C-alpha atoms as a PDB file:
ATOM      1  CA  UNK A   1     141.071 108.802 -43.120  1.00  0.00           C
ATOM      2  CA  UNK A   2     144.670 107.608 -42.682  1.00  0.00           C
ATOM      3  CA  UNK A   3     143.505 104.017 -43.109  1.00  0.00           C
ATOM      4  CA  UNK A   4     141.706 104.847 -46.361  1.00  0.00           C
ATOM      5  CA  UNK A   5     144.813 106.619 -47.589  1.00  0.00           C
ATOM      6  CA  UNK A   6     146.809 103.484 -46.909  1.00  0.00           C
ATOM      7  CA  UNK A   7     144.334 101.419 -48.921  1.00  0.00           C
ATOM      8  CA  UNK A   8     144.544 103.865 -51.829  1.00  0.00           C
ATOM      9  CA  UNK A   9     148.352 103.813 -51.706  1.00  0.00           C
ATOM     10  CA  UNK A  10     148.575 100.022 -51.733  1.00  0.00           C
ATOM     11  CA  UNK A  11     145.951  99.730 -54.477  1.00  0.00           C
ATOM     12  CA  UNK A  12     147.734 102.268 -56.690  1.00  0.00           C
ATOM     13  CA  UNK A  13     150.964 100.332 -56.218  1.00  0.00           C
ATOM     14  CA  UNK A  14     149.320  97.087 -57.351  1.00  0.00           C
ATOM     15  CA  UNK A  15     147.819  98.711 -60.458  1.00  0.00           C
ATOM     16  CA  UNK A  16     151.119 100.352 -61.421  1.00  0.00           C
ATOM     17  CA  UNK A  17     153.070  97.139 -60.851  1.00  0.00           C
ATOM     18  CA  UNK A  18     150.584  95.177 -62.964  1.00  0.00           C
ATOM     19  CA  UNK A  19     151.128  97.566 -65.883  1.00  0.00           C
ATOM     20  CA  UNK A  20     154.874  97.359 -65.450  1.00  0.00           C
ATOM     21  CA  UNK A  21     154.654  93.553 -65.428  1.00  0.00           C
ATOM     22  CA  UNK A  22     152.727  93.685 -68.713  1.00  0.00           C
ATOM     23  CA  UNK A  23     155.536  95.719 -70.290  1.00  0.00           C
ATOM     24  CA  UNK A  24     158.207  93.344 -68.970  1.00  0.00           C
ATOM     25  CA  UNK A  25     156.255  90.330 -70.252  1.00  0.00           C
ATOM     26  CA  UNK A  26     156.010  91.921 -73.693  1.00  0.00           C
ATOM     27  CA  UNK A  27     159.762  92.554 -73.682  1.00  0.00           C
ATOM     28  CA  UNK A  28     160.408  88.944 -72.779  1.00  0.00           C
ATOM     29  CA  UNK A  29     158.079  87.695 -75.526  1.00  0.00           C
ATOM     30  CA  UNK A  30     159.950  89.779 -78.120  1.00  0.00           C
ATOM     31  CA  UNK A  31     163.477  88.962 -76.980  1.00  0.00           C
ATOM     32  CA  UNK A  32     164.074  87.104 -80.269  1.00  0.00           C
ATOM     33  CA  UNK A  33     162.299  89.619 -82.541  1.00  0.00           C
ATOM     34  CA  UNK A  34     164.818  91.356 -84.856  1.00  0.00           C
ATOM     35  CA  UNK A  35     165.089  95.095 -84.271  1.00  0.00           C
ATOM     36  CA  UNK A  36     162.717  95.074 -81.292  1.00  0.00           C
ATOM     37  CA  UNK A  37     163.220  97.934 -78.837  1.00  0.00           C
ATOM     38  CA  UNK A  38     162.375  97.102 -75.253  1.00  0.00           C
ATOM     39  CA  UNK A  39     159.937  99.242 -73.281  1.00  0.00           C
ATOM     40  CA  UNK A  40     160.852 100.904 -70.036  1.00  0.00           C
ATOM     41  CA  UNK A  41     157.955 101.327 -67.616  1.00  0.00           C
ATOM     42  CA  UNK A  42     158.927 103.879 -64.961  1.00  0.00           C
ATOM     43  CA  UNK A  43     156.812 104.360 -61.852  1.00  0.00           C
ATOM     44  CA  UNK A  44     156.058 107.857 -60.645  1.00  0.00           C
ATOM     45  CA  UNK A  45     154.669 109.185 -57.379  1.00  0.00           C
ATOM     46  CA  UNK A  46     151.478 111.186 -57.278  1.00  0.00           C
ATOM     47  CA  UNK A  47     152.044 114.884 -56.466  1.00  0.00           C
ATOM     48  CA  UNK A  48     152.805 115.350 -52.796  1.00  0.00           C
ATOM     49  CA  UNK A  49     150.254 116.924 -50.492  1.00  0.00           C
ATOM     50  CA  UNK A  50     151.374 119.383 -47.844  1.00  0.00           C
ATOM     51  CA  UNK A  51     149.799 118.722 -44.439  1.00  0.00           C
ATOM     52  CA  UNK A  52     149.135 121.611 -42.058  1.00  0.00           C
ATOM     53  CA  UNK A  53     147.443 121.897 -38.665  1.00  0.00           C
ATOM     54  CA  UNK A  54     144.433 124.103 -39.319  1.00  0.00           C
ATOM     55  CA  UNK A  55     142.813 124.209 -35.867  1.00  0.00           C
ATOM     56  CA  UNK A  56     145.763 125.461 -33.811  1.00  0.00           C
ATOM     57  CA  UNK A  57     144.949 128.363 -31.479  1.00  0.00           C
ATOM     58  CA  UNK A  58     147.548 130.547 -33.147  1.00  0.00           C
ATOM     59  CA  UNK A  59     149.686 130.515 -36.248  1.00  0.00           C
ATOM     60  CA  UNK A  60     153.471 130.572 -36.174  1.00  0.00           C
ATOM     61  CA  UNK A  61     155.568 133.740 -36.142  1.00  0.00           C
ATOM     62  CA  UNK A  62     155.261 134.161 -39.913  1.00  0.00           C
ATOM     63  CA  UNK A  63     151.475 134.090 -39.883  1.00  0.00           C
ATOM     64  CA  UNK A  64     151.326 130.602 -41.351  1.00  0.00           C
ATOM     65  CA  UNK A  65     149.823 127.396 -40.075  1.00  0.00           C
ATOM     66  CA  UNK A  66     152.333 124.914 -38.610  1.00  0.00           C
ATOM     67  CA  UNK A  67     153.394 122.406 -41.243  1.00  0.00           C
ATOM     68  CA  UNK A  68     153.210 118.725 -40.347  1.00  0.00           C
ATOM     69  CA  UNK A  69     154.930 117.434 -43.485  1.00  0.00           C
ATOM     70  CA  UNK A  70     154.189 116.074 -46.923  1.00  0.00           C
ATOM     71  CA  UNK A  71     152.091 113.069 -47.920  1.00  0.00           C
ATOM     72  CA  UNK A  72     152.292 110.997 -51.100  1.00  0.00           C
ATOM     73  CA  UNK A  73     149.197 109.012 -52.037  1.00  0.00           C
ATOM     74  CA  UNK A  74     150.797 106.257 -54.070  1.00  0.00           C
ATOM     75  CA  UNK A  75     152.398 105.684 -57.456  1.00  0.00           C
ATOM     76  CA  UNK A  76     151.256 105.363 -61.054  1.00  0.00           C
ATOM     77  CA  UNK A  77     152.562 104.085 -64.356  1.00  0.00           C
ATOM     78  CA  UNK A  78     151.772 106.786 -66.871  1.00  0.00           C
ATOM     79  CA  UNK A  79     153.410 105.387 -70.018  1.00  0.00           C
ATOM     80  CA  UNK A  80     155.887 102.947 -71.501  1.00  0.00           C
ATOM     81  CA  UNK A  81     158.966 104.373 -73.183  1.00  0.00           C
ATOM     82  CA  UNK A  82     160.897 102.457 -75.871  1.00  0.00           C
ATOM     83  CA  UNK A  83     164.671 102.378 -75.369  1.00  0.00           C
ATOM     84  CA  UNK A  84     166.524 102.892 -78.642  1.00  0.00           C
ATOM     85  CA  UNK A  85     169.983 101.669 -77.753  1.00  0.00           C
ATOM     86  CA  UNK A  86     171.661  99.517 -80.429  1.00  0.00           C
ATOM     87  CA  UNK A  87     171.005  95.772 -80.450  1.00  0.00           C
ATOM     88  CA  UNK A  88     173.695  93.213 -81.290  1.00  0.00           C
ATOM     89  CA  UNK A  89     174.272  92.400 -84.966  1.00  0.00           C
ATOM     90  CA  UNK A  90     174.236  88.736 -85.984  1.00  0.00           C
ATOM     91  CA  UNK A  91     175.031  87.095 -89.313  1.00  0.00           C
ATOM     92  CA  UNK A  92     172.138  85.268 -91.036  1.00  0.00           C
ATOM     93  CA  UNK A  93     173.445  84.720 -94.598  1.00  0.00           C
ATOM     94  CA  UNK A  94     169.948  85.507 -95.892  1.00  0.00           C
ATOM     95  CA  UNK A  95     169.941  87.526 -99.155  1.00  0.00           C
ATOM     96  CA  UNK A  96     167.518  90.254 -98.046  1.00  0.00           C
ATOM     97  CA  UNK A  97     168.458  90.667 -94.376  1.00  0.00           C
ATOM     98  CA  UNK A  98     169.835  94.108 -93.529  1.00  0.00           C
ATOM     99  CA  UNK A  99     170.891  95.575 -90.187  1.00  0.00           C
ATOM    100  CA  UNK A 100     171.281  99.232 -89.263  1.00  0.00           C
ATOM    101  CA  UNK A 101     174.246 100.271 -87.164  1.00  0.00           C
ATOM    102  CA  UNK A 102     173.876 103.834 -85.859  1.00  0.00           C
ATOM    103  CA  UNK A 103     176.087 103.655 -82.780  1.00  0.00           C
ATOM    104  CA  UNK A 104     178.404 106.305 -84.197  1.00  0.00           C
ATOM    105  CA  UNK A 105     175.690 108.959 -84.401  1.00  0.00           C
ATOM    106  CA  UNK A 106     176.606 111.913 -82.229  1.00  0.00           C
ATOM    107  CA  UNK A 107     174.092 113.086 -79.594  1.00  0.00           C
ATOM    108  CA  UNK A 108     172.443 116.448 -80.206  1.00  0.00           C
ATOM    109  CA  UNK A 109     171.164 119.062 -77.767  1.00  0.00           C
ATOM    110  CA  UNK A 110     167.384 119.451 -77.538  1.00  0.00           C
ATOM    111  CA  UNK A 111     165.588 121.324 -74.763  1.00  0.00           C
ATOM    112  CA  UNK A 112     168.842 121.467 -72.801  1.00  0.00           C
ATOM    113  CA  UNK A 113     169.164 117.673 -72.974  1.00  0.00           C
ATOM    114  CA  UNK A 114     171.576 115.487 -74.940  1.00  0.00           C
ATOM    115  CA  UNK A 115     169.544 113.092 -77.079  1.00  0.00           C
ATOM    116  CA  UNK A 116     170.980 110.430 -79.370  1.00  0.00           C
ATOM    117  CA  UNK A 117     169.281 110.246 -82.812  1.00  0.00           C
ATOM    118  CA  UNK A 118     168.241 106.905 -84.314  1.00  0.00           C
ATOM    119  CA  UNK A 119     167.990 105.684 -87.920  1.00  0.00           C
ATOM    120  CA  UNK A 120     165.079 103.645 -89.297  1.00  0.00           C
ATOM    121  CA  UNK A 121     163.952 101.938 -92.482  1.00  0.00           C
ATOM    122  CA  UNK A 122     160.989 103.593 -94.208  1.00  0.00           C
ATOM    123  CA  UNK A 123     158.053 101.294 -94.990  1.00  0.00           C
ATOM    124  CA  UNK A 124     154.481 101.583 -96.239  1.00  0.00           C
ATOM    125  CA  UNK A 125     151.580  99.658 -94.743  1.00  0.00           C
ATOM    126  CA  UNK A 126     148.680  98.181 -96.678  1.00  0.00           C
ATOM    127  CA  UNK A 127     146.540 101.283 -96.105  1.00  0.00           C
ATOM    128  CA  UNK A 128     149.280 103.526 -97.509  1.00  0.00           C
ATOM    129  CA  UNK A 129     150.470 104.730 -94.103  1.00  0.00           C
ATOM    130  CA  UNK A 130     154.085 105.837 -93.652  1.00  0.00           C
ATOM    131  CA  UNK A 131     155.934 103.993 -90.885  1.00  0.00           C
ATOM    132  CA  UNK A 132     159.421 103.390 -89.531  1.00  0.00           C
ATOM    133  CA  UNK A 133     161.039 100.135 -88.438  1.00  0.00           C
ATOM    134  CA  UNK A 134     164.349  98.685 -87.300  1.00  0.00           C
ATOM    135  CA  UNK A 135     163.465  95.151 -88.362  1.00  0.00           C
ATOM    136  CA  UNK A 136     165.492  94.502 -91.513  1.00  0.00           C
ATOM    137  CA  UNK A 137     164.282  90.939 -92.026  1.00  0.00           C
ATOM    138  CA  UNK A 138     163.061  91.578 -95.567  1.00  0.00           C
ATOM    139  CA  UNK A 139     161.764  89.294 -98.295  1.00  0.00           C
ATOM    140  CA  UNK A 140     160.376  89.557-101.835  1.00  0.00           C
ATOM    141  CA  UNK A 141     156.763  88.869-102.802  1.00  0.00           C
ATOM    142  CA  UNK A 142     155.478  87.385-106.058  1.00  0.00           C
ATOM    143  CA  UNK A 143     155.373  90.852-107.656  1.00  0.00           C
ATOM    144  CA  UNK A 144     159.065  91.423-107.044  1.00  0.00           C
ATOM    145  CA  UNK A 145     158.408  93.946-104.253  1.00  0.00           C
ATOM    146  CA  UNK A 146     160.714  94.140-101.262  1.00  0.00           C
ATOM    147  CA  UNK A 147     158.624  93.681 -98.109  1.00  0.00           C
ATOM    148  CA  UNK A 148     158.983  93.347 -94.358  1.00  0.00           C
ATOM    149  CA  UNK A 149     158.254  90.071 -92.602  1.00  0.00           C
ATOM    150  CA  UNK A 150     154.703  91.382 -91.991  1.00  0.00           C
ATOM    151  CA  UNK A 151     154.083  92.403 -95.614  1.00  0.00           C
ATOM    152  CA  UNK A 152     154.727  96.169 -95.445  1.00  0.00           C
ATOM    153  CA  UNK A 153     156.382  97.555 -98.584  1.00  0.00           C
ATOM    154  CA  UNK A 154     159.974  98.716 -98.127  1.00  0.00           C
ATOM    155  CA  UNK A 155     160.465 102.227 -99.533  1.00  0.00           C
ATOM    156  CA  UNK A 156     163.440 103.517-101.467  1.00  0.00           C
ATOM    157  CA  UNK A 157     165.105 106.920-101.327  1.00  0.00           C
ATOM    158  CA  UNK A 158     162.627 108.195-103.910  1.00  0.00           C
ATOM    159  CA  UNK A 159     159.730 107.355-101.582  1.00  0.00           C
ATOM    160  CA  UNK A 160     158.417 104.589-103.846  1.00  0.00           C
ATOM    161  CA  UNK A 161     158.302 100.867-103.030  1.00  0.00           C
ATOM    162  CA  UNK A 162     161.418  98.977-104.114  1.00  0.00           C
ATOM    163  CA  UNK A 163     160.510  96.424-106.756  1.00  0.00           C
ATOM    164  CA  UNK A 164     162.119  94.555-109.627  1.00  0.00           C
ATOM    165  CA  UNK A 165     161.230  91.176-111.162  1.00  0.00           C
ATOM    166  CA  UNK A 166     164.802  89.945-110.773  1.00  0.00           C
ATOM    167  CA  UNK A 167     164.697  90.456-107.016  1.00  0.00           C
ATOM    168  CA  UNK A 168     162.779  87.171-106.846  1.00  0.00           C
ATOM    169  CA  UNK A 169     165.994  85.387-107.886  1.00  0.00           C
ATOM    170  CA  UNK A 170     167.629  86.362-104.601  1.00  0.00           C
ATOM    171  CA  UNK A 171     170.989  87.084-106.231  1.00  0.00           C
ATOM    172  CA  UNK A 172     171.570  90.524-104.681  1.00  0.00           C
ATOM    173  CA  UNK A 173     174.151  92.645-102.934  1.00  0.00           C
ATOM    174  CA  UNK A 174     173.144  95.412-100.537  1.00  0.00           C
ATOM    175  CA  UNK A 175     175.929  97.894 -99.944  1.00  0.00           C
ATOM    176  CA  UNK A 176     176.628  99.831 -96.770  1.00  0.00           C
ATOM    177  CA  UNK A 177     174.997 102.893 -98.338  1.00  0.00           C
ATOM    178  CA  UNK A 178     171.773 100.964 -98.979  1.00  0.00           C
ATOM    179  CA  UNK A 179     172.144 100.408-102.726  1.00  0.00           C
ATOM    180  CA  UNK A 180     170.575  97.146-103.923  1.00  0.00           C
ATOM    181  CA  UNK A 181     172.436  95.476-106.790  1.00  0.00           C
ATOM    182  CA  UNK A 182     171.130  92.413-108.640  1.00  0.00           C
ATOM    183  CA  UNK A 183     173.471  89.769-110.087  1.00  0.00           C
ATOM    184  CA  UNK A 184     176.584  91.208-108.382  1.00  0.00           C
ATOM    185  CA  UNK A 185     178.800  88.385-109.711  1.00  0.00           C
ATOM    186  CA  UNK A 186     177.824  88.916-113.332  1.00  0.00           C
ATOM    187  CA  UNK A 187     179.824  91.907-114.577  1.00  0.00           C
ATOM    188  CA  UNK A 188     177.715  92.222-117.698  1.00  0.00           C
ATOM    189  CA  UNK A 189     174.317  92.282-115.979  1.00  0.00           C
ATOM    190  CA  UNK A 190     174.972  93.781-112.538  1.00  0.00           C
ATOM    191  CA  UNK A 191     172.767  96.824-112.000  1.00  0.00           C
ATOM    192  CA  UNK A 192     171.284  98.901-109.211  1.00  0.00           C
ATOM    193  CA  UNK A 193     167.545  98.451-108.720  1.00  0.00           C
ATOM    194  CA  UNK A 194     167.127 100.933-105.890  1.00  0.00           C
ATOM    195  CA  UNK A 195     168.399 102.166-102.556  1.00  0.00           C
ATOM    196  CA  UNK A 196     166.878 101.515 -99.152  1.00  0.00           C
ATOM    197  CA  UNK A 197     165.074 104.521 -97.767  1.00  0.00           C
ATOM    198  CA  UNK A 198     166.292 105.643 -94.364  1.00  0.00           C
ATOM    199  CA  UNK A 199     164.866 108.188 -91.950  1.00  0.00           C
ATOM    200  CA  UNK A 200     166.961 109.836 -89.255  1.00  0.00           C
ATOM    201  CA  UNK A 201     164.914 110.776 -86.171  1.00  0.00           C
ATOM    202  CA  UNK A 202     166.657 113.356 -84.021  1.00  0.00           C
ATOM    203  CA  UNK A 203     164.481 112.644 -80.992  1.00  0.00           C
ATOM    204  CA  UNK A 204     163.285 109.013 -81.041  1.00  0.00           C
ATOM    205  CA  UNK A 205     161.400 109.593 -77.777  1.00  0.00           C
ATOM    206  CA  UNK A 206     158.714 111.270 -79.906  1.00  0.00           C
ATOM    207  CA  UNK A 207     157.987 108.012 -81.747  1.00  0.00           C
ATOM    208  CA  UNK A 208     154.804 106.060 -81.049  1.00  0.00           C
ATOM    209  CA  UNK A 209     155.063 102.277 -80.985  1.00  0.00           C
ATOM    210  CA  UNK A 210     152.392 100.628 -83.135  1.00  0.00           C
ATOM    211  CA  UNK A 211     153.188  96.918 -82.906  1.00  0.00           C
ATOM    212  CA  UNK A 212     154.782  94.527 -85.398  1.00  0.00           C
ATOM    213  CA  UNK A 213     158.027  96.460 -85.024  1.00  0.00           C
ATOM    214  CA  UNK A 214     156.541  99.640 -86.525  1.00  0.00           C
ATOM    215  CA  UNK A 215     156.838 103.193 -85.238  1.00  0.00           C
ATOM    216  CA  UNK A 216     154.869 106.303 -86.126  1.00  0.00           C
ATOM    217  CA  UNK A 217     156.079 109.895 -85.916  1.00  0.00           C
ATOM    218  CA  UNK A 218     153.594 112.747 -85.881  1.00  0.00           C
ATOM    219  CA  UNK A 219     153.863 114.740 -89.086  1.00  0.00           C
ATOM    220  CA  UNK A 220     156.167 112.193 -90.741  1.00  0.00           C
ATOM    221  CA  UNK A 221     156.106 112.145 -94.541  1.00  0.00           C
ATOM    222  CA  UNK A 222     158.096 110.867 -97.521  1.00  0.00           C
ATOM    223  CA  UNK A 223     160.147 114.062 -97.509  1.00  0.00           C
ATOM    224  CA  UNK A 224     161.920 112.821 -94.374  1.00  0.00           C
ATOM    225  CA  UNK A 225     163.659 110.016 -96.284  1.00  0.00           C
ATOM    226  CA  UNK A 226     167.371 110.836 -96.485  1.00  0.00           C
ATOM    227  CA  UNK A 227     168.892 111.063 -99.966  1.00  0.00           C
ATOM    228  CA  UNK A 228     172.258 109.932 -98.611  1.00  0.00           C
ATOM    229  CA  UNK A 229     173.116 107.734 -95.670  1.00  0.00           C
ATOM    230  CA  UNK A 230     173.755 110.005 -92.672  1.00  0.00           C
ATOM    231  CA  UNK A 231     177.306 110.109 -91.385  1.00  0.00           C
ATOM    232  CA  UNK A 232     177.679 107.637 -88.541  1.00  0.00           C
ATOM    233  CA  UNK A 233     175.158 105.157 -89.993  1.00  0.00           C
ATOM    234  CA  UNK A 234     176.002 101.996 -91.946  1.00  0.00           C
ATOM    235  CA  UNK A 235     173.952  99.072 -93.277  1.00  0.00           C
ATOM    236  CA  UNK A 236     175.146  95.496 -93.001  1.00  0.00           C
ATOM    237  CA  UNK A 237     173.993  92.984 -95.602  1.00  0.00           C
ATOM    238  CA  UNK A 238     173.020  89.447 -94.556  1.00  0.00           C
ATOM    239  CA  UNK A 239     172.884  90.508 -90.922  1.00  0.00           C
ATOM    240  CA  UNK A 240     170.101  91.345 -88.486  1.00  0.00           C
ATOM    241  CA  UNK A 241     169.935  93.568 -85.441  1.00  0.00           C
ATOM    242  CA  UNK A 242     168.784  91.573 -82.448  1.00  0.00           C
ATOM    243  CA  UNK A 243     166.374  92.995 -79.902  1.00  0.00           C
ATOM    244  CA  UNK A 244     167.973  95.105 -77.186  1.00  0.00           C
ATOM    245  CA  UNK A 245     166.160  93.180 -74.439  1.00  0.00           C
ATOM    246  CA  UNK A 246     168.483  92.218 -71.595  1.00  0.00           C
ATOM    247  CA  UNK A 247     167.088  88.809 -70.630  1.00  0.00           C
ATOM    248  CA  UNK A 248     168.736  88.414 -67.185  1.00  0.00           C
ATOM    249  CA  UNK A 249     167.755  91.936 -66.183  1.00  0.00           C
ATOM    250  CA  UNK A 250     164.182  91.507 -67.477  1.00  0.00           C
ATOM    251  CA  UNK A 251     163.660  88.246 -65.573  1.00  0.00           C
ATOM    252  CA  UNK A 252     165.156  89.786 -62.430  1.00  0.00           C
ATOM    253  CA  UNK A 253     162.830  92.804 -62.698  1.00  0.00           C
ATOM    254  CA  UNK A 254     159.816  90.531 -63.199  1.00  0.00           C
ATOM    255  CA  UNK A 255     160.634  88.588 -60.011  1.00  0.00           C
ATOM    256  CA  UNK A 256     161.162  91.803 -58.046  1.00  0.00           C
ATOM    257  CA  UNK A 257     157.914  93.168 -59.444  1.00  0.00           C
ATOM    258  CA  UNK A 258     156.006  90.116 -58.241  1.00  0.00           C
ATOM    259  CA  UNK A 259     157.446  90.436 -54.728  1.00  0.00           C
ATOM    260  CA  UNK A 260     156.482  94.117 -54.580  1.00  0.00           C
ATOM    261  CA  UNK A 261     152.977  93.285 -55.792  1.00  0.00           C
ATOM    262  CA  UNK A 262     152.610  90.636 -53.071  1.00  0.00           C
ATOM    263  CA  UNK A 263     153.812  93.133 -50.447  1.00  0.00           C
ATOM    264  CA  UNK A 264     151.102  95.615 -51.467  1.00  0.00           C
ATOM    265  CA  UNK A 265     148.596  92.783 -51.455  1.00  0.00           C
ATOM    266  CA  UNK A 266     149.487  91.912 -47.858  1.00  0.00           C
ATOM    267  CA  UNK A 267     149.022  95.560 -46.865  1.00  0.00           C
ATOM    268  CA  UNK A 268     145.507  95.506 -48.314  1.00  0.00           C
ATOM    269  CA  UNK A 269     144.757  92.264 -46.495  1.00  0.00           C
ATOM    270  CA  UNK A 270     145.935  93.803 -43.215  1.00  0.00           C
ATOM    271  CA  UNK A 271     143.685  96.836 -43.719  1.00  0.00           C
ATOM    272  CA  UNK A 272     140.791  94.542 -44.614  1.00  0.00           C
ATOM    273  CA  UNK A 273     141.168  92.616 -41.352  1.00  0.00           C
ATOM    274  CA  UNK A 274     141.388  95.855 -39.372  1.00  0.00           C
ATOM    275  CA  UNK A 275     138.223  97.224 -40.969  1.00  0.00           C
ATOM    276  CA  UNK A 276     136.451  93.919 -40.315  1.00  0.00           C
ATOM    277  CA  UNK A 277     137.352  94.153 -36.619  1.00  0.00           C
ATOM    278  CA  UNK A 278     136.129  97.749 -36.473  1.00  0.00           C
ATOM    279  CA  UNK A 279     132.823  96.742 -38.002  1.00  0.00           C
ATOM    280  CA  UNK A 280     132.413  93.916 -35.510  1.00  0.00           C
ATOM    281  CA  UNK A 281     133.093  96.309 -32.618  1.00  0.00           C
ATOM    282  CA  UNK A 282     130.518  98.719 -34.018  1.00  0.00           C
ATOM    283  CA  UNK A 283     127.883  95.980 -34.099  1.00  0.00           C
ATOM    284  CA  UNK A 284     128.534  95.100 -30.467  1.00  0.00           C
END
């Protein structure tokens, strides 16, 4: 039985490490994606088993069986968790690029834990779904609608898509409070065409990653869009937030992961040889 436990332990380690490697590879592939939030992939041990001697002639002085110790039957990778720390802001000089800076948001207490809120742009997918994103690499389509790089419609504070025919001209100013002004250098024609919708999520750990830089929050609706920019949050025009992937650390973790995987593989090979020898002895 102890040998089979060893096989199970090594096999569980290989499966968990494979899933962690997938998460690290995805982080590496998105290192240049604006607003991308890297995934952490923690490994957890299976619940420990308490071993006792059950065939002793007598129990100990407390009427209990003598305890041998605890046994853990391997590890598992239950989930990947996005990390929402702020990425670096870089200048792009593109007319519709916007970056969120929410570093000054104060942590709040939830379930006896300090959790830092995060701010997101509000967008609408093609099927009408309500989503959140940190990727402020926006553009304008032929209808004058402000869109994400993947075509989702960017929502304003009123919950409606931001659109104006003159947005196609690209002569805009986006203020720190999210107001979008067309023709900012023409005093006679300058006007506000809308304000970027922003959603403040008190506990970003509740968000579900959906791909393409989008997040979903259970029960989220248009009523969550803030009517004013929360204190501690600013928007920066003609800038983008880079991904928060730490390249050196990610590459280092991938190499360590591979070595750990190979170590578990060698354990399985050793057990396989031992079982093969046992079978050969049994045949003799």
